[in-house]
Amino acid sequence: MQGCKEALRFLFEMERILNMPKSANQKLKLLYLLKIFHEKTDENHCLSAAELAGELSAYDIRAERKSIYDDVECLIQAGYDIVYVKAKKGGGYYLASREFELPELKLLVDAVQASRFITQKKSRELISKIEKLAGPYEGKQLQRQVYVAGRVKTENESIYYNVDRIHHAIQENAPISFGYLEWNVKKELQPRREGKDYRISPWALAWQDENYYLVGYDEEAEKIKHFRVDKMNRIAELTGQSRKGMEDFGKLDVAEYTNRTFGMFGGEPETVTLRLPSHMVGIVIDRFGKDTDIRPLEDGFISARISAAVSGQFFGWVTGLGRGVTILSPARVRQDYLDYLEQIKTGYDENEIERQKKG
């Protein structure tokens, strides 16, 4: 008798399932279930079998609790870390492990927000994508701001594609041609060399002072040069041709080259006004941003009011710009700079040199 009842129950269940309307999404049930686990669950937010069935209905998928158990088991067998929490209230299943842990995602978000070469628009897009790697509840913790003093974001949206094109040319052993831009006194980017393209054999991409640089061989100048990637445009791979300068690049220590070529400085911030030749406006904008107070002076000079970290490294940077650069204010910083120069001069006094030789 008991066997008959079980048989009848089985037949009724089968009839009910067979009569259940099949949507086009029914075959995608496991994929949608996995999507729900990714988007709706974490260790503090579980979903019961009934709740999972309810979530699936939003995708026009009908499911019974028993089938949910089987589907979850399939996902576990496939390697997904789905955990069941037994509780009278709030119990159920959740996805315990993800590709990235929350602290790792926070680190990625902070790196994107703090990165100088990533534009504000692209930063928002990348962070939105990173948030999707977390659940909806943990994703809210990624909506934060990292403030970096003096951060100047690039305005060139094409830098990501520039990097990709350069990498491809390096892999294909092909030279590239490109236009190169520079700042003018009006704070506008304009073509260098009257728009004439450079022809360079790319050998490496260097990351220094929060900017990407192409390190390549200039066949015309017959030497290794570097170029800011965000200042490059119209990059074209010269297919069918081979790179030159392998011997020169083979002798180059890229790490040592970048450290020697691209300077950095740090110290206490000060507002400093510089007087410098107008052709150096690009150096100022690249270092301190377009919002820098730059004003034209007589005889082809400009004044630039900057916020700088005043230290020996800063003074070394000013000195490296050449004789045409003067610190106008404040007077204390100007005097400190004169003292800095005097100390350098003293170090080259003949008597001092002899004393240093004797140790």
Protein backbone atom coordinates (compact mmCIF):
# COMPACT_ATOMS: atom_id res chain seq x y z
CA MET A 1 0.00 0.00 0.00
CA GLN A 2 2.80 2.35 0.95
CA GLY A 3 4.51 1.58 -2.39
CA CYS A 4 1.37 2.54 -4.31
CA LYS A 5 1.14 5.84 -2.52
CA GLU A 6 4.78 6.63 -3.35
CA ALA A 7 4.18 5.66 -6.99
CA LEU A 8 1.11 7.88 -7.24
CA ARG A 9 2.96 10.78 -5.60
CA PHE A 10 5.78 10.32 -8.12
CA LEU A 11 3.33 10.30 -11.06
CA PHE A 12 1.57 13.44 -9.85
CA GLU A 13 4.93 15.18 -9.38
CA MET A 14 6.10 14.18 -12.84
CA GLU A 15 2.84 15.38 -14.39
CA ARG A 16 3.17 18.72 -12.59
CA ILE A 17 6.77 19.16 -13.77
CA LEU A 18 5.93 18.16 -17.34
CA ASN A 19 3.06 20.66 -17.41
CA MET A 20 5.35 23.41 -16.08
CA PRO A 21 5.84 25.98 -18.89
CA LYS A 22 9.38 25.99 -20.23
CA SER A 23 10.86 29.39 -20.94
CA ALA A 24 13.77 30.01 -23.26
CA ASN A 25 15.87 30.74 -20.16
CA GLN A 26 15.19 27.37 -18.52
CA LYS A 27 18.34 25.89 -20.08
CA LEU A 28 20.35 28.75 -18.60
CA LYS A 29 19.19 27.97 -15.08
CA LEU A 30 22.63 27.09 -13.65
CA LEU A 31 24.23 30.18 -15.14
CA TYR A 32 21.56 32.46 -13.72
CA LEU A 33 21.81 30.71 -10.37
CA LEU A 34 25.55 31.37 -10.30
CA LYS A 35 24.89 35.00 -11.25
CA ILE A 36 22.49 35.30 -8.29
CA PHE A 37 25.11 33.88 -5.93
CA HIS A 38 27.66 36.41 -7.20
CA GLU A 39 25.35 39.41 -7.05
CA LYS A 40 23.05 38.71 -4.11
CA THR A 41 24.97 36.75 -1.49
CA ASP A 42 27.91 36.98 0.88
CA GLU A 43 28.68 35.62 4.33
CA ASN A 44 26.21 38.08 5.88
CA HIS A 45 23.49 37.62 3.26
CA CYS A 46 22.27 34.07 2.59
CA LEU A 47 19.43 32.89 0.37
CA SER A 48 17.28 29.86 1.11
CA ALA A 49 16.22 27.41 -1.60
CA ALA A 50 12.80 29.08 -1.74
CA GLU A 51 14.42 32.52 -2.04
CA LEU A 52 16.75 31.28 -4.79
CA ALA A 53 13.72 29.96 -6.65
CA GLY A 54 12.12 33.38 -6.27
CA GLU A 55 15.21 35.09 -7.65
CA LEU A 56 15.21 32.73 -10.64
CA SER A 57 11.59 33.64 -11.39
CA ALA A 58 12.81 37.18 -12.19
CA TYR A 59 14.58 35.59 -15.18
CA ASP A 60 11.42 33.71 -16.19
CA ILE A 61 12.78 30.44 -14.83
CA ARG A 62 10.55 28.08 -12.85
CA ALA A 63 12.25 25.98 -10.17
CA GLU A 64 11.29 23.75 -7.27
CA ARG A 65 13.20 23.62 -4.01
CA LYS A 66 14.39 20.08 -4.66
CA SER A 67 15.84 21.05 -8.02
CA ILE A 68 17.59 23.99 -6.34
CA TYR A 69 19.35 21.56 -3.99
CA ASP A 70 20.53 19.53 -7.00
CA ASP A 71 21.66 22.65 -8.87
CA VAL A 72 23.63 23.94 -5.89
CA GLU A 73 25.31 20.55 -5.58
CA CYS A 74 26.25 20.73 -9.27
CA LEU A 75 27.88 24.13 -8.72
CA ILE A 76 29.78 22.80 -5.71
CA GLN A 77 30.97 19.81 -7.76
CA ALA A 78 32.13 22.28 -10.43
CA GLY A 79 34.40 23.93 -7.84
CA TYR A 80 32.34 26.87 -6.58
CA ASP A 81 32.68 27.49 -2.85
CA ILE A 82 29.00 27.62 -1.90
CA VAL A 83 28.33 27.27 1.82
CA TYR A 84 25.10 26.41 3.62
CA VAL A 85 24.31 28.14 6.91
CA LYS A 86 21.79 26.36 9.11
CA ALA A 87 19.67 28.81 11.09
CA LYS A 88 16.03 29.29 11.99
CA LYS A 89 16.16 32.83 10.61
CA GLY A 90 18.47 34.12 7.91
CA GLY A 91 19.90 30.72 7.01
CA GLY A 92 20.61 29.52 3.51
CA TYR A 93 23.33 29.44 0.89
CA TYR A 94 26.01 31.98 0.01
CA LEU A 95 29.07 32.18 -2.21
CA ALA A 96 32.00 32.05 0.21
CA SER A 97 34.97 32.59 -2.10
CA ARG A 98 35.43 35.01 -4.99
CA GLU A 99 38.23 35.71 -7.44
CA PHE A 100 39.26 38.70 -5.32
CA GLU A 101 38.87 39.28 -1.60
CA LEU A 102 37.45 42.61 -0.43
CA PRO A 103 40.81 44.01 0.82
CA GLU A 104 42.33 43.22 -2.59
CA LEU A 105 39.50 45.05 -4.38
CA LYS A 106 39.92 48.04 -2.06
CA LEU A 107 43.60 48.11 -2.98
CA LEU A 108 42.75 48.10 -6.69
CA VAL A 109 40.22 50.92 -6.25
CA ASP A 110 42.73 53.00 -4.29
CA ALA A 111 45.39 52.43 -6.95
CA VAL A 112 43.02 53.56 -9.72
CA GLN A 113 41.92 56.68 -7.84
CA ALA A 114 45.48 57.63 -6.95
CA SER A 115 46.93 56.97 -10.41
CA ARG A 116 47.91 60.10 -12.28
CA PHE A 117 47.84 58.65 -15.79
CA ILE A 118 44.22 57.39 -15.53
CA THR A 119 41.66 60.08 -16.39
CA GLN A 120 38.78 60.91 -14.05
CA LYS A 121 36.27 59.43 -16.51
CA LYS A 122 38.23 56.21 -16.95
CA SER A 123 38.77 55.98 -13.18
CA ARG A 124 35.01 55.95 -12.63
CA GLU A 125 34.53 53.30 -15.33
CA LEU A 126 37.25 51.04 -13.91
CA ILE A 127 36.00 51.37 -10.34
CA SER A 128 32.47 50.50 -11.48
CA LYS A 129 33.84 47.30 -13.06
CA ILE A 130 35.86 46.47 -9.94
CA GLU A 131 32.73 46.85 -7.81
CA LYS A 132 31.07 44.11 -9.85
CA LEU A 133 33.77 41.69 -8.73
CA ALA A 134 32.36 42.01 -5.22
CA GLY A 135 28.81 41.38 -4.08
CA PRO A 136 26.33 44.27 -3.96
CA TYR A 137 26.79 44.68 -0.22
CA GLU A 138 30.59 44.59 -0.20
CA GLY A 139 30.62 46.67 -3.38
CA LYS A 140 29.26 49.63 -1.39
CA GLN A 141 32.44 49.58 0.67
CA LEU A 142 34.43 50.22 -2.50
CA GLN A 143 32.65 53.52 -3.10
CA ARG A 144 35.33 55.54 -1.37
CA GLN A 145 37.74 58.32 -2.19
CA VAL A 146 41.52 58.37 -1.95
CA TYR A 147 42.84 61.91 -1.85
CA VAL A 148 46.41 62.46 -2.94
CA ALA A 149 47.84 65.94 -2.44
CA GLY A 150 48.66 67.69 -5.69
CA ARG A 151 47.32 64.87 -7.83
CA VAL A 152 47.14 65.91 -11.49
CA LYS A 153 45.10 63.53 -13.64
CA THR A 154 45.91 63.18 -17.33
CA GLU A 155 43.27 64.37 -19.80
CA ASN A 156 44.26 61.99 -22.58
CA GLU A 157 41.65 59.22 -22.89
CA SER A 158 43.65 57.43 -25.61
CA ILE A 159 46.58 56.49 -23.37
CA TYR A 160 45.17 52.98 -22.76
CA TYR A 161 45.01 52.31 -26.49
CA ASN A 162 48.44 53.87 -26.99
CA VAL A 163 49.94 51.44 -24.47
CA ASP A 164 48.23 48.51 -26.20
CA ARG A 165 49.49 49.56 -29.65
CA ILE A 166 53.05 49.97 -28.37
CA HIS A 167 52.98 46.56 -26.68
CA HIS A 168 51.73 44.99 -29.92
CA ALA A 169 54.49 46.65 -31.96
CA ILE A 170 57.12 45.38 -29.51
CA GLN A 171 55.71 41.85 -29.77
CA GLU A 172 55.69 42.07 -33.57
CA ASN A 173 59.24 43.54 -33.68
CA ALA A 174 57.89 46.49 -35.69
CA PRO A 175 58.75 50.21 -35.60
CA ILE A 176 56.02 52.79 -35.10
CA SER A 177 55.28 56.33 -36.23
CA PHE A 178 53.44 58.90 -34.15
CA GLY A 179 52.82 62.57 -33.57
CA TYR A 180 54.04 64.17 -30.36
CA LEU A 181 52.36 66.98 -28.43
CA GLU A 182 53.68 69.71 -26.14
CA TRP A 183 52.12 72.47 -24.04
CA ASN A 184 52.11 76.10 -25.19
CA VAL A 185 51.74 79.28 -23.12
CA LYS A 186 47.94 79.17 -23.60
CA LYS A 187 47.91 75.78 -21.80
CA GLU A 188 46.98 74.01 -25.02
CA LEU A 189 48.56 70.86 -26.40
CA GLN A 190 50.06 71.48 -29.81
CA PRO A 191 52.05 69.29 -32.23
CA ARG A 192 55.81 69.31 -31.81
CA ARG A 193 58.07 69.67 -34.88
CA GLU A 194 55.19 71.37 -36.75
CA GLY A 195 53.27 68.10 -36.76
CA LYS A 196 56.00 65.99 -38.35
CA ASP A 197 55.74 62.36 -37.22
CA TYR A 198 58.44 60.58 -35.26
CA ARG A 199 59.65 57.20 -36.44
CA ILE A 200 60.81 55.14 -33.47
CA SER A 201 61.69 51.50 -32.82
CA PRO A 202 59.92 50.72 -29.51
CA TRP A 203 61.88 48.57 -27.07
CA ALA A 204 60.26 49.08 -23.67
CA LEU A 205 57.55 50.84 -21.70
CA ALA A 206 58.78 52.42 -18.48
CA TRP A 207 56.68 53.52 -15.52
CA GLN A 208 58.23 56.43 -13.67
CA ASP A 209 56.90 59.35 -11.64
CA GLU A 210 53.34 58.07 -12.29
CA ASN A 211 53.63 58.31 -16.06
CA TYR A 212 54.15 55.81 -18.87
CA TYR A 213 57.16 56.40 -21.09
CA LEU A 214 58.11 54.76 -24.35
CA VAL A 215 61.81 53.93 -24.51
CA GLY A 216 62.85 53.46 -28.10
CA TYR A 217 65.53 53.94 -30.72
CA ASP A 218 65.37 57.07 -32.87
CA GLU A 219 66.89 56.03 -36.20
CA GLU A 220 67.21 59.64 -37.35
CA ALA A 221 69.10 60.75 -34.22
CA GLU A 222 70.81 57.33 -33.89
CA LYS A 223 70.22 57.09 -30.15
CA ILE A 224 67.83 55.88 -27.47
CA LYS A 225 65.08 58.37 -26.54
CA HIS A 226 62.02 58.41 -24.31
CA PHE A 227 58.53 59.82 -24.90
CA ARG A 228 55.55 60.40 -22.60
CA VAL A 229 52.87 58.00 -23.84
CA ASP A 230 50.01 60.38 -23.02
CA LYS A 231 51.62 62.99 -25.31
CA MET A 232 51.64 60.62 -28.29
CA ASN A 233 48.92 60.49 -30.94
CA ARG A 234 48.34 58.92 -34.36
CA ILE A 235 50.34 55.84 -33.39
CA ALA A 236 50.74 53.53 -36.37
CA GLU A 237 52.57 50.23 -36.52
CA LEU A 238 54.87 50.05 -39.55
CA THR A 239 54.13 46.48 -40.58
CA GLY A 240 56.58 44.66 -42.79
CA GLN A 241 59.53 46.53 -41.25
CA SER A 242 61.83 45.53 -38.41
CA ARG A 243 62.96 47.48 -35.37
CA LYS A 244 66.41 49.00 -35.22
CA GLY A 245 68.69 49.81 -32.29
CA MET A 246 68.89 46.34 -30.75
CA GLU A 247 72.58 46.75 -29.92
CA ASP A 248 72.05 50.15 -28.27
CA PHE A 249 69.10 48.91 -26.25
CA GLY A 250 71.04 45.79 -25.24
CA LYS A 251 73.60 48.02 -23.52
CA LEU A 252 70.89 49.94 -21.67
CA ASP A 253 69.84 49.33 -18.07
CA VAL A 254 66.21 50.53 -18.30
CA ALA A 255 65.78 50.87 -14.52
CA GLU A 256 68.96 52.94 -14.20
CA TYR A 257 68.04 54.95 -17.29
CA THR A 258 64.61 55.92 -15.97
CA ASN A 259 65.94 56.83 -12.53
CA ARG A 260 68.60 59.01 -14.10
CA THR A 261 66.33 60.66 -16.64
CA PHE A 262 63.05 61.30 -14.79
CA GLY A 263 63.46 63.28 -11.57
CA MET A 264 61.34 63.30 -8.42
CA PHE A 265 61.36 65.47 -5.33
CA GLY A 266 59.61 65.68 -1.93
CA GLY A 267 59.44 67.84 1.18
CA GLU A 268 57.22 70.41 2.91
CA PRO A 269 54.73 72.16 0.55
CA GLU A 270 55.23 75.87 -0.21
CA THR A 271 53.68 78.30 -2.68
CA VAL A 272 56.57 79.42 -4.85
CA THR A 273 56.62 81.84 -7.78
CA LEU A 274 59.11 81.11 -10.54
CA ARG A 275 60.28 83.24 -13.46
CA LEU A 276 61.28 81.16 -16.44
CA PRO A 277 61.47 81.24 -20.26
CA SER A 278 58.07 80.81 -21.93
CA HIS A 279 59.23 77.71 -23.81
CA MET A 280 59.42 75.94 -20.45
CA VAL A 281 55.67 76.26 -19.85
CA GLY A 282 55.17 72.60 -20.73
CA ILE A 283 57.59 71.53 -18.00
CA VAL A 284 55.55 73.46 -15.43
CA ILE A 285 52.16 72.17 -16.62
CA ASP A 286 53.37 68.57 -16.79
CA ARG A 287 54.67 68.76 -13.24
CA PHE A 288 51.98 70.87 -11.55
CA GLY A 289 48.91 70.70 -13.82
CA LYS A 290 46.88 73.05 -16.04
CA ASP A 291 45.41 74.91 -13.06
CA THR A 292 48.82 76.43 -12.33
CA ASP A 293 48.73 80.24 -12.25
CA ILE A 294 50.88 81.12 -15.30
CA ARG A 295 51.24 84.71 -16.49
CA PRO A 296 53.22 86.20 -19.38
CA LEU A 297 56.07 88.61 -18.59
CA GLU A 298 58.21 90.77 -20.82
CA ASP A 299 61.10 89.55 -22.99
CA GLY A 300 59.69 86.04 -23.57
CA PHE A 301 59.40 85.02 -19.92
CA ILE A 302 56.51 83.81 -17.79
CA SER A 303 55.79 83.66 -14.07
CA ALA A 304 54.44 80.43 -12.59
CA ARG A 305 52.89 80.26 -9.12
CA ILE A 306 53.27 76.68 -7.97
CA SER A 307 52.75 74.56 -4.88
CA ALA A 308 56.01 72.69 -4.45
CA ALA A 309 57.69 70.53 -1.88
CA VAL A 310 60.67 72.70 -1.02
CA SER A 311 63.78 70.66 -0.29
CA GLY A 312 67.22 70.00 -1.66
CA GLN A 313 65.63 67.87 -4.36
CA PHE A 314 63.34 70.73 -5.37
CA PHE A 315 66.27 73.12 -5.57
CA GLY A 316 68.12 70.55 -7.64
CA TRP A 317 65.13 70.42 -10.01
CA VAL A 318 65.12 74.23 -10.32
CA THR A 319 68.87 74.27 -10.94
CA GLY A 320 68.46 71.62 -13.62
CA LEU A 321 66.17 73.96 -15.58
CA GLY A 322 69.13 76.23 -16.25
CA ARG A 323 70.23 79.84 -15.78
CA GLY A 324 67.02 81.36 -17.12
CA VAL A 325 64.98 80.23 -14.10
CA THR A 326 64.64 82.43 -11.00
CA ILE A 327 62.75 81.99 -7.72
CA LEU A 328 60.85 85.27 -7.28
CA SER A 329 59.06 84.53 -4.01
CA PRO A 330 58.80 83.93 -1.15
CA ALA A 331 61.99 85.69 -0.06
CA ARG A 332 62.79 82.98 2.49
CA VAL A 333 62.72 80.24 -0.15
CA ARG A 334 64.80 82.40 -2.48
CA GLN A 335 67.39 82.86 0.27
CA ASP A 336 67.35 79.13 1.04
CA TYR A 337 68.03 78.51 -2.64
CA LEU A 338 70.97 80.93 -2.61
CA ASP A 339 72.34 79.15 0.47
CA TYR A 340 71.89 75.83 -1.37
CA LEU A 341 73.88 77.13 -4.34
CA GLU A 342 76.54 78.57 -2.05
CA GLN A 343 76.95 75.19 -0.35
CA ILE A 344 77.42 73.56 -3.74
CA LYS A 345 79.94 76.22 -4.73
CA THR A 346 81.81 75.77 -1.43
CA GLY A 347 82.10 72.08 -2.12
CA TYR A 348 84.13 72.90 -5.23
CA ASP A 349 86.56 75.26 -3.49
CA GLU A 350 90.14 74.08 -4.10
CA ASN A 351 90.98 73.96 -0.39
CA GLU A 352 87.78 72.06 0.33
CA ILE A 353 88.54 69.57 -2.47
CA GLU A 354 92.01 68.96 -1.01
CA ARG A 355 90.53 68.51 2.46
CA GLN A 356 88.00 66.00 1.13
CA LYS A 357 90.75 64.09 -0.66
CA LYS A 358 92.63 63.72 2.61
CA GLY A 359 89.44 62.47 4.29
